[in-house]
Amino acid sequence: QVLSADALEHLAALAEKYDLALILDAAYEQLSWKPLNFKGLRSAR
């Protein structure tokens, strides 16, 4: 399963709220056929 843009935005918000590092394991990323949207992570880059 792929994390949706909404899920990534929620993870970013959680990391930002509690001052956490957000480590995303993207080992299979290029083998995703569901569109990837990282816009929600931009504010927490």
PDB file of all heavy atoms in Angstrom:
ATOM      1  N   GLN A   1       0.831  -1.207   0.000  1.00  0.00           N
ATOM      2  CA  GLN A   1       0.000   0.000   0.000  1.00  0.00           C
ATOM      3  C   GLN A   1       0.865   1.257   0.000  1.00  0.00           C
ATOM      4  O   GLN A   1       1.953   1.287   0.576  1.00  0.00           O
ATOM      5  CB  GLN A   1      -0.923  -0.003   1.211  1.00  0.00           C
ATOM      6  CG  GLN A   1      -1.873  -1.192   1.250  1.00  0.00           C
ATOM      7  CD  GLN A   1      -2.697  -1.323  -0.017  1.00  0.00           C
ATOM      8  OE1 GLN A   1      -3.451  -0.413  -0.383  1.00  0.00           O
ATOM      9  NE2 GLN A   1      -2.557  -2.452  -0.703  1.00  0.00           N
ATOM     10  N   VAL A   2       0.360   2.296  -0.650  1.00  0.00           N
ATOM     11  CA  VAL A   2       1.072   3.566  -0.809  1.00  0.00           C
ATOM     12  C   VAL A   2       0.443   4.623   0.097  1.00  0.00           C
ATOM     13  O   VAL A   2      -0.792   4.687   0.223  1.00  0.00           O
ATOM     14  CB  VAL A   2       1.012   4.030  -2.283  1.00  0.00           C
ATOM     15  CG1 VAL A   2       1.529   5.455  -2.440  1.00  0.00           C
ATOM     16  CG2 VAL A   2       1.817   3.071  -3.164  1.00  0.00           C
ATOM     17  N   LEU A   3       1.274   5.415   0.743  1.00  0.00           N
ATOM     18  CA  LEU A   3       0.767   6.519   1.557  1.00  0.00           C
ATOM     19  C   LEU A   3       0.195   7.602   0.638  1.00  0.00           C
ATOM     20  O   LEU A   3       0.861   8.065  -0.284  1.00  0.00           O
ATOM     21  CB  LEU A   3       1.878   7.103   2.418  1.00  0.00           C
ATOM     22  CG  LEU A   3       2.392   6.220   3.554  1.00  0.00           C
ATOM     23  CD1 LEU A   3       3.663   6.818   4.155  1.00  0.00           C
ATOM     24  CD2 LEU A   3       1.327   6.036   4.625  1.00  0.00           C
ATOM     25  N   SER A   4      -1.033   7.992   0.905  1.00  0.00           N
ATOM     26  CA  SER A   4      -1.669   9.029   0.096  1.00  0.00           C
ATOM     27  C   SER A   4      -1.067  10.395   0.401  1.00  0.00           C
ATOM     28  O   SER A   4      -0.349  10.569   1.391  1.00  0.00           O
ATOM     29  CB  SER A   4      -3.169   9.061   0.396  1.00  0.00           C
ATOM     30  OG  SER A   4      -3.381   9.475   1.737  1.00  0.00           O
ATOM     31  N   ALA A   5      -1.379  11.373  -0.445  1.00  0.00           N
ATOM     32  CA  ALA A   5      -0.916  12.738  -0.206  1.00  0.00           C
ATOM     33  C   ALA A   5      -1.450  13.244   1.132  1.00  0.00           C
ATOM     34  O   ALA A   5      -0.755  13.937   1.884  1.00  0.00           O
ATOM     35  CB  ALA A   5      -1.379  13.650  -1.341  1.00  0.00           C
ATOM     36  N   ASP A   6      -2.694  12.867   1.452  1.00  0.00           N
ATOM     37  CA  ASP A   6      -3.291  13.274   2.728  1.00  0.00           C
ATOM     38  C   ASP A   6      -2.548  12.637   3.893  1.00  0.00           C
ATOM     39  O   ASP A   6      -2.306  13.293   4.918  1.00  0.00           O
ATOM     40  CB  ASP A   6      -4.767  12.863   2.749  1.00  0.00           C
ATOM     41  CG  ASP A   6      -5.476  13.333   4.007  1.00  0.00           C
ATOM     42  OD1 ASP A   6      -5.530  14.559   4.227  1.00  0.00           O
ATOM     43  OD2 ASP A   6      -5.968  12.478   4.773  1.00  0.00           O
ATOM     44  N   ALA A   7      -2.180  11.361   3.743  1.00  0.00           N
ATOM     45  CA  ALA A   7      -1.453  10.676   4.821  1.00  0.00           C
ATOM     46  C   ALA A   7      -0.087  11.307   5.040  1.00  0.00           C
ATOM     47  O   ALA A   7       0.341  11.509   6.182  1.00  0.00           O
ATOM     48  CB  ALA A   7      -1.305   9.193   4.489  1.00  0.00           C
ATOM     49  N   LEU A   8       0.596  11.635   3.945  1.00  0.00           N
ATOM     50  CA  LEU A   8       1.903  12.283   4.071  1.00  0.00           C
ATOM     51  C   LEU A   8       1.771  13.646   4.754  1.00  0.00           C
ATOM     52  O   LEU A   8       2.618  14.023   5.574  1.00  0.00           O
ATOM     53  CB  LEU A   8       2.545  12.439   2.694  1.00  0.00           C
ATOM     54  CG  LEU A   8       3.019  11.146   2.025  1.00  0.00           C
ATOM     55  CD1 LEU A   8       3.452  11.418   0.588  1.00  0.00           C
ATOM     56  CD2 LEU A   8       4.159  10.516   2.806  1.00  0.00           C
ATOM     57  N   GLU A   9       0.707  14.368   4.426  1.00  0.00           N
ATOM     58  CA  GLU A   9       0.485  15.676   5.059  1.00  0.00           C
ATOM     59  C   GLU A   9       0.257  15.512   6.562  1.00  0.00           C
ATOM     60  O   GLU A   9       0.776  16.302   7.372  1.00  0.00           O
ATOM     61  CB  GLU A   9      -0.720  16.361   4.412  1.00  0.00           C
ATOM     62  CG  GLU A   9      -0.939  17.784   4.877  1.00  0.00           C
ATOM     63  CD  GLU A   9      -2.011  18.504   4.083  1.00  0.00           C
ATOM     64  OE1 GLU A   9      -2.443  17.977   3.041  1.00  0.00           O
ATOM     65  OE2 GLU A   9      -2.418  19.590   4.524  1.00  0.00           O
ATOM     66  N   HIS A  10      -0.483  14.480   6.950  1.00  0.00           N
ATOM     67  CA  HIS A  10      -0.712  14.223   8.372  1.00  0.00           C
ATOM     68  C   HIS A  10       0.584  13.836   9.086  1.00  0.00           C
ATOM     69  O   HIS A  10       0.835  14.270  10.221  1.00  0.00           O
ATOM     70  CB  HIS A  10      -1.749  13.099   8.538  1.00  0.00           C
ATOM     71  CG  HIS A  10      -3.166  13.561   8.514  1.00  0.00           C
ATOM     72  ND1 HIS A  10      -3.874  13.760   7.343  1.00  0.00           N
ATOM     73  CD2 HIS A  10      -4.028  13.882   9.517  1.00  0.00           C
ATOM     74  CE1 HIS A  10      -5.091  14.169   7.623  1.00  0.00           C
ATOM     75  NE2 HIS A  10      -5.213  14.255   8.927  1.00  0.00           N
ATOM     76  N   LEU A  11       1.408  13.006   8.421  1.00  0.00           N
ATOM     77  CA  LEU A  11       2.692  12.632   9.029  1.00  0.00           C
ATOM     78  C   LEU A  11       3.580  13.858   9.214  1.00  0.00           C
ATOM     79  O   LEU A  11       4.229  14.018  10.253  1.00  0.00           O
ATOM     80  CB  LEU A  11       3.404  11.605   8.147  1.00  0.00           C
ATOM     81  CG  LEU A  11       2.842  10.185   8.169  1.00  0.00           C
ATOM     82  CD1 LEU A  11       3.543   9.325   7.115  1.00  0.00           C
ATOM     83  CD2 LEU A  11       2.985   9.541   9.547  1.00  0.00           C
ATOM     84  N   ALA A  12       3.592  14.718   8.202  1.00  0.00           N
ATOM     85  CA  ALA A  12       4.399  15.937   8.286  1.00  0.00           C
ATOM     86  C   ALA A  12       3.905  16.830   9.423  1.00  0.00           C
ATOM     87  O   ALA A  12       4.710  17.395  10.175  1.00  0.00           O
ATOM     88  CB  ALA A  12       4.348  16.686   6.959  1.00  0.00           C
ATOM     89  N   ALA A  13       2.588  16.947   9.553  1.00  0.00           N
ATOM     90  CA  ALA A  13       2.026  17.789  10.613  1.00  0.00           C
ATOM     91  C   ALA A  13       2.365  17.234  11.990  1.00  0.00           C
ATOM     92  O   ALA A  13       2.689  17.989  12.919  1.00  0.00           O
ATOM     93  CB  ALA A  13       0.514  17.888  10.436  1.00  0.00           C
ATOM     94  N   LEU A  14       2.312  15.919  12.122  1.00  0.00           N
ATOM     95  CA  LEU A  14       2.645  15.288  13.395  1.00  0.00           C
ATOM     96  C   LEU A  14       4.115  15.516  13.735  1.00  0.00           C
ATOM     97  O   LEU A  14       4.468  15.842  14.876  1.00  0.00           O
ATOM     98  CB  LEU A  14       2.342  13.791  13.305  1.00  0.00           C
ATOM     99  CG  LEU A  14       2.270  12.999  14.616  1.00  0.00           C
ATOM    100  CD1 LEU A  14       1.138  13.513  15.495  1.00  0.00           C
ATOM    101  CD2 LEU A  14       2.073  11.510  14.312  1.00  0.00           C
ATOM    102  N   ALA A  15       4.977  15.341  12.730  1.00  0.00           N
ATOM    103  CA  ALA A  15       6.411  15.556  12.948  1.00  0.00           C
ATOM    104  C   ALA A  15       6.697  17.011  13.317  1.00  0.00           C
ATOM    105  O   ALA A  15       7.519  17.302  14.201  1.00  0.00           O
ATOM    106  CB  ALA A  15       7.191  15.156  11.699  1.00  0.00           C
ATOM    107  N   GLU A  16       5.998  17.928  12.664  1.00  0.00           N
ATOM    108  CA  GLU A  16       6.213  19.345  12.926  1.00  0.00           C
ATOM    109  C   GLU A  16       5.722  19.724  14.330  1.00  0.00           C
ATOM    110  O   GLU A  16       6.396  20.451  15.064  1.00  0.00           O
ATOM    111  CB  GLU A  16       5.468  20.165  11.863  1.00  0.00           C
ATOM    112  CG  GLU A  16       5.826  21.632  11.840  1.00  0.00           C
ATOM    113  CD  GLU A  16       7.185  21.909  11.230  1.00  0.00           C
ATOM    114  OE1 GLU A  16       7.830  20.984  10.699  1.00  0.00           O
ATOM    115  OE2 GLU A  16       7.617  23.075  11.300  1.00  0.00           O
ATOM    116  N   LYS A  17       4.579  19.193  14.690  1.00  0.00           N
ATOM    117  CA  LYS A  17       3.989  19.539  15.985  1.00  0.00           C
ATOM    118  C   LYS A  17       4.865  19.099  17.148  1.00  0.00           C
ATOM    119  O   LYS A  17       4.984  19.820  18.156  1.00  0.00           O
ATOM    120  CB  LYS A  17       2.602  18.889  16.097  1.00  0.00           C
ATOM    121  CG  LYS A  17       1.863  19.213  17.388  1.00  0.00           C
ATOM    122  CD  LYS A  17       0.449  18.624  17.378  1.00  0.00           C
ATOM    123  CE  LYS A  17      -0.295  18.945  18.658  1.00  0.00           C
ATOM    124  NZ  LYS A  17      -1.683  18.388  18.627  1.00  0.00           N
ATOM    125  N   TYR A  18       5.510  17.930  17.009  1.00  0.00           N
ATOM    126  CA  TYR A  18       6.280  17.374  18.123  1.00  0.00           C
ATOM    127  C   TYR A  18       7.791  17.389  17.872  1.00  0.00           C
ATOM    128  O   TYR A  18       8.537  16.736  18.594  1.00  0.00           O
ATOM    129  CB  TYR A  18       5.806  15.950  18.417  1.00  0.00           C
ATOM    130  CG  TYR A  18       4.372  15.914  18.921  1.00  0.00           C
ATOM    131  CD1 TYR A  18       3.325  15.577  18.063  1.00  0.00           C
ATOM    132  CD2 TYR A  18       4.066  16.252  20.233  1.00  0.00           C
ATOM    133  CE1 TYR A  18       2.011  15.556  18.515  1.00  0.00           C
ATOM    134  CE2 TYR A  18       2.748  16.238  20.683  1.00  0.00           C
ATOM    135  CZ  TYR A  18       1.729  15.890  19.823  1.00  0.00           C
ATOM    136  OH  TYR A  18       0.425  15.881  20.264  1.00  0.00           O
ATOM    137  N   ASP A  19       8.218  18.129  16.859  1.00  0.00           N
ATOM    138  CA  ASP A  19       9.650  18.285  16.567  1.00  0.00           C
ATOM    139  C   ASP A  19      10.329  16.929  16.352  1.00  0.00           C
ATOM    140  O   ASP A  19      11.322  16.593  17.007  1.00  0.00           O
ATOM    141  CB  ASP A  19      10.355  19.055  17.687  1.00  0.00           C
ATOM    142  CG  ASP A  19      11.776  19.453  17.302  1.00  0.00           C
ATOM    143  OD1 ASP A  19      12.069  19.544  16.092  1.00  0.00           O
ATOM    144  OD2 ASP A  19      12.601  19.652  18.218  1.00  0.00           O
ATOM    145  N   LEU A  20       9.803  16.157  15.406  1.00  0.00           N
ATOM    146  CA  LEU A  20      10.317  14.820  15.126  1.00  0.00           C
ATOM    147  C   LEU A  20      10.965  14.762  13.752  1.00  0.00           C
ATOM    148  O   LEU A  20      10.605  15.509  12.842  1.00  0.00           O
ATOM    149  CB  LEU A  20       9.177  13.789  15.164  1.00  0.00           C
ATOM    150  CG  LEU A  20       8.255  13.804  16.384  1.00  0.00           C
ATOM    151  CD1 LEU A  20       7.141  12.789  16.198  1.00  0.00           C
ATOM    152  CD2 LEU A  20       9.034  13.539  17.654  1.00  0.00           C
ATOM    153  N   ALA A  21      11.917  13.858  13.593  1.00  0.00           N
ATOM    154  CA  ALA A  21      12.423  13.538  12.253  1.00  0.00           C
ATOM    155  C   ALA A  21      11.416  12.607  11.594  1.00  0.00           C
ATOM    156  O   ALA A  21      10.845  11.728  12.244  1.00  0.00           O
ATOM    157  CB  ALA A  21      13.781  12.860  12.351  1.00  0.00           C
ATOM    158  N   LEU A  22      11.193  12.802  10.301  1.00  0.00           N
ATOM    159  CA  LEU A  22      10.299  11.927   9.530  1.00  0.00           C
ATOM    160  C   LEU A  22      11.143  11.207   8.485  1.00  0.00           C
ATOM    161  O   LEU A  22      11.620  11.815   7.528  1.00  0.00           O
ATOM    162  CB  LEU A  22       9.191  12.750   8.872  1.00  0.00           C
ATOM    163  CG  LEU A  22       8.231  11.993   7.950  1.00  0.00           C
ATOM    164  CD1 LEU A  22       7.590  10.808   8.667  1.00  0.00           C
ATOM    165  CD2 LEU A  22       7.168  12.936   7.397  1.00  0.00           C
ATOM    166  N   ILE A  23      11.356   9.911   8.704  1.00  0.00           N
ATOM    167  CA  ILE A  23      12.204   9.103   7.826  1.00  0.00           C
ATOM    168  C   ILE A  23      11.304   8.249   6.948  1.00  0.00           C
ATOM    169  O   ILE A  23      10.542   7.414   7.457  1.00  0.00           O
ATOM    170  CB  ILE A  23      13.166   8.215   8.646  1.00  0.00           C
ATOM    171  CG1 ILE A  23      14.027   9.082   9.568  1.00  0.00           C
ATOM    172  CG2 ILE A  23      14.028   7.366   7.728  1.00  0.00           C
ATOM    173  CD1 ILE A  23      14.793   8.297  10.624  1.00  0.00           C
ATOM    174  N   LEU A  24      11.367   8.471   5.638  1.00  0.00           N
ATOM    175  CA  LEU A  24      10.516   7.747   4.698  1.00  0.00           C
ATOM    176  C   LEU A  24      11.357   6.740   3.916  1.00  0.00           C
ATOM    177  O   LEU A  24      12.273   7.111   3.185  1.00  0.00           O
ATOM    178  CB  LEU A  24       9.828   8.724   3.752  1.00  0.00           C
ATOM    179  CG  LEU A  24       8.782   9.633   4.410  1.00  0.00           C
ATOM    180  CD1 LEU A  24       8.248  10.648   3.423  1.00  0.00           C
ATOM    181  CD2 LEU A  24       7.625   8.805   4.985  1.00  0.00           C
ATOM    182  N   ASP A  25      11.045   5.471   4.093  1.00  0.00           N
ATOM    183  CA  ASP A  25      11.703   4.386   3.373  1.00  0.00           C
ATOM    184  C   ASP A  25      11.053   4.284   1.997  1.00  0.00           C
ATOM    185  O   ASP A  25       9.912   3.857   1.860  1.00  0.00           O
ATOM    186  CB  ASP A  25      11.532   3.085   4.170  1.00  0.00           C
ATOM    187  CG  ASP A  25      12.184   1.889   3.495  1.00  0.00           C
ATOM    188  OD1 ASP A  25      12.578   1.989   2.323  1.00  0.00           O
ATOM    189  OD2 ASP A  25      12.281   0.831   4.144  1.00  0.00           O
ATOM    190  N   ALA A  26      11.816   4.685   0.979  1.00  0.00           N
ATOM    191  CA  ALA A  26      11.291   4.740  -0.388  1.00  0.00           C
ATOM    192  C   ALA A  26      11.926   3.684  -1.285  1.00  0.00           C
ATOM    193  O   ALA A  26      12.090   3.888  -2.490  1.00  0.00           O
ATOM    194  CB  ALA A  26      11.528   6.138  -0.969  1.00  0.00           C
ATOM    195  N   ALA A  27      12.273   2.525  -0.702  1.00  0.00           N
ATOM    196  CA  ALA A  27      12.975   1.487  -1.459  1.00  0.00           C
ATOM    197  C   ALA A  27      12.177   1.002  -2.667  1.00  0.00           C
ATOM    198  O   ALA A  27      12.750   0.607  -3.678  1.00  0.00           O
ATOM    199  CB  ALA A  27      13.305   0.307  -0.539  1.00  0.00           C
ATOM    200  N   TYR A  28      10.833   1.026  -2.561  1.00  0.00           N
ATOM    201  CA  TYR A  28       9.986   0.524  -3.654  1.00  0.00           C
ATOM    202  C   TYR A  28       9.306   1.658  -4.420  1.00  0.00           C
ATOM    203  O   TYR A  28       8.382   1.415  -5.198  1.00  0.00           O
ATOM    204  CB  TYR A  28       8.920  -0.411  -3.086  1.00  0.00           C
ATOM    205  CG  TYR A  28       9.477  -1.693  -2.522  1.00  0.00           C
ATOM    206  CD1 TYR A  28       9.844  -1.787  -1.181  1.00  0.00           C
ATOM    207  CD2 TYR A  28       9.629  -2.823  -3.317  1.00  0.00           C
ATOM    208  CE1 TYR A  28      10.352  -2.953  -0.651  1.00  0.00           C
ATOM    209  CE2 TYR A  28      10.143  -4.003  -2.800  1.00  0.00           C
ATOM    210  CZ  TYR A  28      10.504  -4.065  -1.467  1.00  0.00           C
ATOM    211  OH  TYR A  28      11.016  -5.231  -0.950  1.00  0.00           O
ATOM    212  N   GLU A  29       9.746   2.862  -4.194  1.00  0.00           N
ATOM    213  CA  GLU A  29       9.042   4.034  -4.712  1.00  0.00           C
ATOM    214  C   GLU A  29       8.864   4.024  -6.226  1.00  0.00           C
ATOM    215  O   GLU A  29       7.802   4.383  -6.748  1.00  0.00           O
ATOM    216  CB  GLU A  29       9.817   5.283  -4.282  1.00  0.00           C
ATOM    217  CG  GLU A  29       9.123   6.579  -4.555  1.00  0.00           C
ATOM    218  CD  GLU A  29       9.892   7.717  -3.922  1.00  0.00           C
ATOM    219  OE1 GLU A  29      11.034   7.975  -4.333  1.00  0.00           O
ATOM    220  OE2 GLU A  29       9.352   8.326  -2.986  1.00  0.00           O
ATOM    221  N   GLN A  30       9.904   3.616  -6.958  1.00  0.00           N
ATOM    222  CA  GLN A  30       9.815   3.618  -8.421  1.00  0.00           C
ATOM    223  C   GLN A  30       8.963   2.465  -8.946  1.00  0.00           C
ATOM    224  O   GLN A  30       8.701   2.378 -10.148  1.00  0.00           O
ATOM    225  CB  GLN A  30      11.216   3.549  -9.018  1.00  0.00           C
ATOM    226  CG  GLN A  30      12.056   4.795  -8.785  1.00  0.00           C
ATOM    227  CD  GLN A  30      11.415   6.032  -9.392  1.00  0.00           C
ATOM    228  OE1 GLN A  30      11.238   6.130 -10.594  1.00  0.00           O
ATOM    229  NE2 GLN A  30      11.047   6.989  -8.543  1.00  0.00           N
ATOM    230  N   LEU A  31       8.531   1.590  -8.041  1.00  0.00           N
ATOM    231  CA  LEU A  31       7.623   0.508  -8.414  1.00  0.00           C
ATOM    232  C   LEU A  31       6.228   0.785  -7.859  1.00  0.00           C
ATOM    233  O   LEU A  31       5.509  -0.126  -7.460  1.00  0.00           O
ATOM    234  CB  LEU A  31       8.148  -0.840  -7.903  1.00  0.00           C
ATOM    235  CG  LEU A  31       9.514  -1.262  -8.446  1.00  0.00           C
ATOM    236  CD1 LEU A  31       9.911  -2.612  -7.894  1.00  0.00           C
ATOM    237  CD2 LEU A  31       9.511  -1.293  -9.978  1.00  0.00           C
ATOM    238  N   SER A  32       5.850   2.047  -7.848  1.00  0.00           N
ATOM    239  CA  SER A  32       4.511   2.453  -7.429  1.00  0.00           C
ATOM    240  C   SER A  32       3.724   2.870  -8.659  1.00  0.00           C
ATOM    241  O   SER A  32       4.202   3.682  -9.457  1.00  0.00           O
ATOM    242  CB  SER A  32       4.586   3.616  -6.436  1.00  0.00           C
ATOM    243  OG  SER A  32       3.296   4.159  -6.218  1.00  0.00           O
ATOM    244  N   TRP A  33       2.538   2.309  -8.839  1.00  0.00           N
ATOM    245  CA  TRP A  33       1.676   2.726  -9.947  1.00  0.00           C
ATOM    246  C   TRP A  33       0.567   3.640  -9.463  1.00  0.00           C
ATOM    247  O   TRP A  33      -0.148   4.220 -10.253  1.00  0.00           O
ATOM    248  CB  TRP A  33       1.098   1.531 -10.694  1.00  0.00           C
ATOM    249  CG  TRP A  33       0.657   0.389  -9.844  1.00  0.00           C
ATOM    250  CD1 TRP A  33      -0.590   0.165  -9.351  1.00  0.00           C
ATOM    251  CD2 TRP A  33       1.469  -0.694  -9.383  1.00  0.00           C
ATOM    252  NE1 TRP A  33      -0.600  -0.986  -8.602  1.00  0.00           N
ATOM    253  CE2 TRP A  33       0.649  -1.544  -8.615  1.00  0.00           C
ATOM    254  CE3 TRP A  33       2.815  -1.041  -9.539  1.00  0.00           C
ATOM    255  CZ2 TRP A  33       1.115  -2.699  -8.000  1.00  0.00           C
ATOM    256  CZ3 TRP A  33       3.278  -2.183  -8.927  1.00  0.00           C
ATOM    257  CH2 TRP A  33       2.434  -3.008  -8.174  1.00  0.00           C
ATOM    258  N   LYS A  34       0.412   3.780  -8.155  1.00  0.00           N
ATOM    259  CA  LYS A  34      -0.461   4.816  -7.626  1.00  0.00           C
ATOM    260  C   LYS A  34       0.325   6.121  -7.650  1.00  0.00           C
ATOM    261  O   LYS A  34       1.476   6.165  -7.231  1.00  0.00           O
ATOM    262  CB  LYS A  34      -0.877   4.492  -6.198  1.00  0.00           C
ATOM    263  CG  LYS A  34      -1.784   5.557  -5.577  1.00  0.00           C
ATOM    264  CD  LYS A  34      -2.215   5.187  -4.170  1.00  0.00           C
ATOM    265  CE  LYS A  34      -3.098   6.268  -3.569  1.00  0.00           C
ATOM    266  NZ  LYS A  34      -3.572   5.918  -2.209  1.00  0.00           N
ATOM    267  N   PRO A  35      -0.269   7.192  -8.175  1.00  0.00           N
ATOM    268  CA  PRO A  35       0.465   8.463  -8.254  1.00  0.00           C
ATOM    269  C   PRO A  35       1.018   8.906  -6.909  1.00  0.00           C
ATOM    270  O   PRO A  35       0.352   8.797  -5.876  1.00  0.00           O
ATOM    271  CB  PRO A  35      -0.601   9.443  -8.765  1.00  0.00           C
ATOM    272  CG  PRO A  35      -1.587   8.588  -9.483  1.00  0.00           C
ATOM    273  CD  PRO A  35      -1.627   7.287  -8.730  1.00  0.00           C
ATOM    274  N   LEU A  36       2.252   9.398  -6.928  1.00  0.00           N
ATOM    275  CA  LEU A  36       2.912   9.885  -5.717  1.00  0.00           C
ATOM    276  C   LEU A  36       2.810  11.399  -5.667  1.00  0.00           C
ATOM    277  O   LEU A  36       3.075  12.080  -6.670  1.00  0.00           O
ATOM    278  CB  LEU A  36       4.379   9.455  -5.718  1.00  0.00           C
ATOM    279  CG  LEU A  36       4.632   7.945  -5.777  1.00  0.00           C
ATOM    280  CD1 LEU A  36       6.120   7.661  -5.966  1.00  0.00           C
ATOM    281  CD2 LEU A  36       4.118   7.263  -4.529  1.00  0.00           C
ATOM    282  N   ASN A  37       2.427  11.924  -4.534  1.00  0.00           N
ATOM    283  CA  ASN A  37       2.271  13.368  -4.381  1.00  0.00           C
ATOM    284  C   ASN A  37       2.891  13.783  -3.055  1.00  0.00           C
ATOM    285  O   ASN A  37       2.379  13.446  -1.988  1.00  0.00           O
ATOM    286  CB  ASN A  37       0.783  13.744  -4.424  1.00  0.00           C
ATOM    287  CG  ASN A  37       0.559  15.238  -4.440  1.00  0.00           C
ATOM    288  OD1 ASN A  37       1.415  16.017  -4.014  1.00  0.00           O
ATOM    289  ND2 ASN A  37      -0.594  15.663  -4.929  1.00  0.00           N
ATOM    290  N   PHE A  38       4.000  14.525  -3.135  1.00  0.00           N
ATOM    291  CA  PHE A  38       4.739  14.899  -1.926  1.00  0.00           C
ATOM    292  C   PHE A  38       4.489  16.345  -1.518  1.00  0.00           C
ATOM    293  O   PHE A  38       5.201  16.885  -0.680  1.00  0.00           O
ATOM    294  CB  PHE A  38       6.239  14.671  -2.151  1.00  0.00           C
ATOM    295  CG  PHE A  38       6.573  13.227  -2.411  1.00  0.00           C
ATOM    296  CD1 PHE A  38       6.730  12.762  -3.704  1.00  0.00           C
ATOM    297  CD2 PHE A  38       6.700  12.332  -1.366  1.00  0.00           C
ATOM    298  CE1 PHE A  38       7.022  11.441  -3.952  1.00  0.00           C
ATOM    299  CE2 PHE A  38       6.992  10.997  -1.604  1.00  0.00           C
ATOM    300  CZ  PHE A  38       7.149  10.551  -2.900  1.00  0.00           C
ATOM    301  N   LYS A  39       3.479  16.965  -2.125  1.00  0.00           N
ATOM    302  CA  LYS A  39       3.200  18.372  -1.844  1.00  0.00           C
ATOM    303  C   LYS A  39       2.986  18.620  -0.350  1.00  0.00           C
ATOM    304  O   LYS A  39       3.395  19.635   0.196  1.00  0.00           O
ATOM    305  CB  LYS A  39       1.970  18.800  -2.649  1.00  0.00           C
ATOM    306  CG  LYS A  39       1.827  20.299  -2.806  1.00  0.00           C
ATOM    307  CD  LYS A  39       0.661  20.632  -3.753  1.00  0.00           C
ATOM    308  CE  LYS A  39       0.911  20.139  -5.153  1.00  0.00           C
ATOM    309  NZ  LYS A  39      -0.194  20.538  -6.081  1.00  0.00           N
ATOM    310  N   GLY A  40       2.352  17.646   0.312  1.00  0.00           N
ATOM    311  CA  GLY A  40       2.053  17.815   1.729  1.00  0.00           C
ATOM    312  C   GLY A  40       3.274  17.805   2.619  1.00  0.00           C
ATOM    313  O   GLY A  40       3.191  18.194   3.794  1.00  0.00           O
ATOM    314  N   LEU A  41       4.414  17.369   2.089  1.00  0.00           N
ATOM    315  CA  LEU A  41       5.638  17.330   2.884  1.00  0.00           C
ATOM    316  C   LEU A  41       6.467  18.608   2.760  1.00  0.00           C
ATOM    317  O   LEU A  41       7.405  18.809   3.529  1.00  0.00           O
ATOM    318  CB  LEU A  41       6.516  16.145   2.436  1.00  0.00           C
ATOM    319  CG  LEU A  41       5.996  14.736   2.721  1.00  0.00           C
ATOM    320  CD1 LEU A  41       6.972  13.718   2.161  1.00  0.00           C
ATOM    321  CD2 LEU A  41       5.799  14.516   4.214  1.00  0.00           C
ATOM    322  N   ARG A  42       6.121  19.424   1.800  1.00  0.00           N
ATOM    323  CA  ARG A  42       6.981  20.574   1.490  1.00  0.00           C
ATOM    324  C   ARG A  42       7.216  21.480   2.694  1.00  0.00           C
ATOM    325  O   ARG A  42       8.346  21.908   2.956  1.00  0.00           O
ATOM    326  CB  ARG A  42       6.353  21.386   0.337  1.00  0.00           C
ATOM    327  CG  ARG A  42       7.238  22.523  -0.142  1.00  0.00           C
ATOM    328  CD  ARG A  42       6.588  23.276  -1.302  1.00  0.00           C
ATOM    329  NE  ARG A  42       7.404  24.411  -1.686  1.00  0.00           N
ATOM    330  CZ  ARG A  42       8.437  24.358  -2.517  1.00  0.00           C
ATOM    331  NH1 ARG A  42       8.777  23.204  -3.057  1.00  0.00           N
ATOM    332  NH2 ARG A  42       9.139  25.426  -2.807  1.00  0.00           N
ATOM    333  N   SER A  43       6.164  21.731   3.467  1.00  0.00           N
ATOM    334  CA  SER A  43       6.309  22.648   4.613  1.00  0.00           C
ATOM    335  C   SER A  43       7.189  22.054   5.713  1.00  0.00           C
ATOM    336  O   SER A  43       7.705  22.783   6.560  1.00  0.00           O
ATOM    337  CB  SER A  43       4.932  22.994   5.190  1.00  0.00           C
ATOM    338  OG  SER A  43       4.299  21.820   5.678  1.00  0.00           O
ATOM    339  N   ALA A  44       7.365  20.727   5.700  1.00  0.00           N
ATOM    340  CA  ALA A  44       8.180  20.072   6.727  1.00  0.00           C
ATOM    341  C   ALA A  44       9.471  19.508   6.143  1.00  0.00           C
ATOM    342  O   ALA A  44      10.111  18.648   6.761  1.00  0.00           O
ATOM    343  CB  ALA A  44       7.373  18.949   7.383  1.00  0.00           C
ATOM    344  N   ARG A  45       9.895  20.030   4.988  1.00  0.00           N
ATOM    345  CA  ARG A  45      11.056  19.447   4.299  1.00  0.00           C
ATOM    346  C   ARG A  45      12.343  19.557   5.115  1.00  0.00           C
ATOM    347  O   ARG A  45      13.292  18.811   4.878  1.00  0.00           O
ATOM    348  CB  ARG A  45      11.240  20.078   2.927  1.00  0.00           C
ATOM    349  CG  ARG A  45      11.478  21.577   2.914  1.00  0.00           C
ATOM    350  CD  ARG A  45      11.427  22.115   1.479  1.00  0.00           C
ATOM    351  NE  ARG A  45      11.664  23.544   1.391  1.00  0.00           N
ATOM    352  CZ  ARG A  45      10.728  24.472   1.580  1.00  0.00           C
ATOM    353  NH1 ARG A  45       9.495  24.115   1.897  1.00  0.00           N
ATOM    354  NH2 ARG A  45      11.012  25.753   1.463  1.00  0.00           N
TER     355      ARG A  45
END
